[in-house]
Each structure stands twice: as structure tokens, then as C-alpha cells.
Amino acid sequence: MIKTCPFSENKVCNDTCPLFVSPEELNEFVAARLSSIGVMDKADGECSLKMLALSQGRMIFENTNTRS
């Protein structure tokens, strides 16, 4: 699936998009942690909105207890 930038129609979300976060912009520890939990690919960047959604979803999943 092609990542799209919400600020311009039918544009790929890459380093030209204002919401794109490249691994070089993050400190090595943060990039490794986000990569290890599946939020971002360490080699490629990710749209910050998608990264935020994935991170919050993971946090909710890990901190929710359900009783069956």
C-alpha cells in the first residue's frame, strides 16, 4: 500500500511531506524501540499520524485487562 500525504491529493507520503518522520530524525534508542514493537520500519520512515495511531493502539492493548 502506498502511503499518502494528507496535505496534497494523491501524493506519496515521503520526505517531502511535512508529516513524514525519517529514522534519521529520531534518536537511535527511540527508533529501535518503535521498530521492535512494530510501529515503524527502522530502514524507512513513517507518517507521523500513522506512527501516533499505532503507538497509542499498542499502549492501549498492553495496558488493558479484560476478564472473560
Protein backbone atom coordinates (compact mmCIF):
# COMPACT_ATOMS: atom_id res chain seq x y z
CA MET A 1 0.00 0.00 0.00
CA ILE A 2 1.30 3.45 -0.93
CA LYS A 3 1.45 5.96 1.91
CA THR A 4 -0.32 9.20 1.02
CA CYS A 5 0.21 12.67 2.38
CA PRO A 6 -3.00 14.25 3.71
CA PHE A 7 -1.86 17.75 2.71
CA SER A 8 -1.79 17.11 -1.00
CA GLU A 9 -4.04 14.95 -3.11
CA ASN A 10 -2.61 11.66 -4.39
CA LYS A 11 0.94 12.40 -3.25
CA VAL A 12 3.14 9.76 -1.71
CA CYS A 13 3.94 10.30 1.98
CA ASN A 14 7.73 10.56 1.83
CA ASP A 15 10.37 13.01 2.98
CA THR A 16 8.64 15.83 1.09
CA CYS A 17 5.51 15.50 3.24
CA PRO A 18 5.50 17.65 6.41
CA LEU A 19 4.14 14.73 8.46
CA PHE A 20 6.82 12.24 7.43
CA VAL A 21 9.29 11.14 10.12
CA SER A 22 12.51 9.58 8.91
CA PRO A 23 14.61 7.31 11.15
CA GLU A 24 17.46 9.85 10.97
CA GLU A 25 15.27 12.40 12.77
CA LEU A 26 14.86 10.13 15.79
CA ASN A 27 17.42 9.17 18.36
CA GLU A 28 18.73 5.62 17.89
CA PHE A 29 17.07 4.27 21.05
CA VAL A 30 13.62 5.63 20.09
CA ALA A 31 13.92 4.33 16.52
CA ALA A 32 14.95 0.88 17.79
CA ARG A 33 12.10 0.78 20.33
CA LEU A 34 9.46 1.82 17.78
CA SER A 35 10.84 -0.72 15.34
CA SER A 36 10.82 -3.53 17.92
CA ILE A 37 7.13 -3.05 18.74
CA GLY A 38 6.18 -2.83 15.06
CA VAL A 39 5.28 0.84 14.89
CA MET A 40 7.88 1.85 12.32
CA ASP A 41 10.35 0.26 9.97
CA LYS A 42 13.89 1.11 11.07
CA ALA A 43 15.11 1.50 7.46
CA ASP A 44 12.14 3.51 6.16
CA GLY A 45 10.28 6.38 7.67
CA GLU A 46 6.65 6.62 8.57
CA CYS A 47 3.87 9.19 8.51
CA SER A 48 3.70 10.77 11.97
CA LEU A 49 -0.09 10.40 12.15
CA LYS A 50 0.14 6.68 11.42
CA MET A 51 3.02 6.31 13.88
CA LEU A 52 0.99 8.05 16.59
CA ALA A 53 -2.05 5.87 15.94
CA LEU A 54 -0.01 2.66 16.01
CA SER A 55 1.81 3.72 19.19
CA GLN A 56 -1.40 4.60 21.02
CA GLY A 57 -3.08 1.40 19.86
CA ARG A 58 -0.15 -0.61 21.20
CA MET A 59 -0.24 1.26 24.52
CA ILE A 60 -3.97 0.63 24.92
CA PHE A 61 -3.52 -3.06 24.05
CA GLU A 62 -0.71 -3.53 26.57
CA ASN A 63 -2.46 -1.64 29.38
CA THR A 64 -5.95 -3.08 29.09
CA ASN A 65 -7.09 -6.02 31.16
CA THR A 66 -10.15 -7.94 30.08
CA ARG A 67 -11.94 -10.54 32.09
CA SER A 68 -13.64 -13.38 30.30
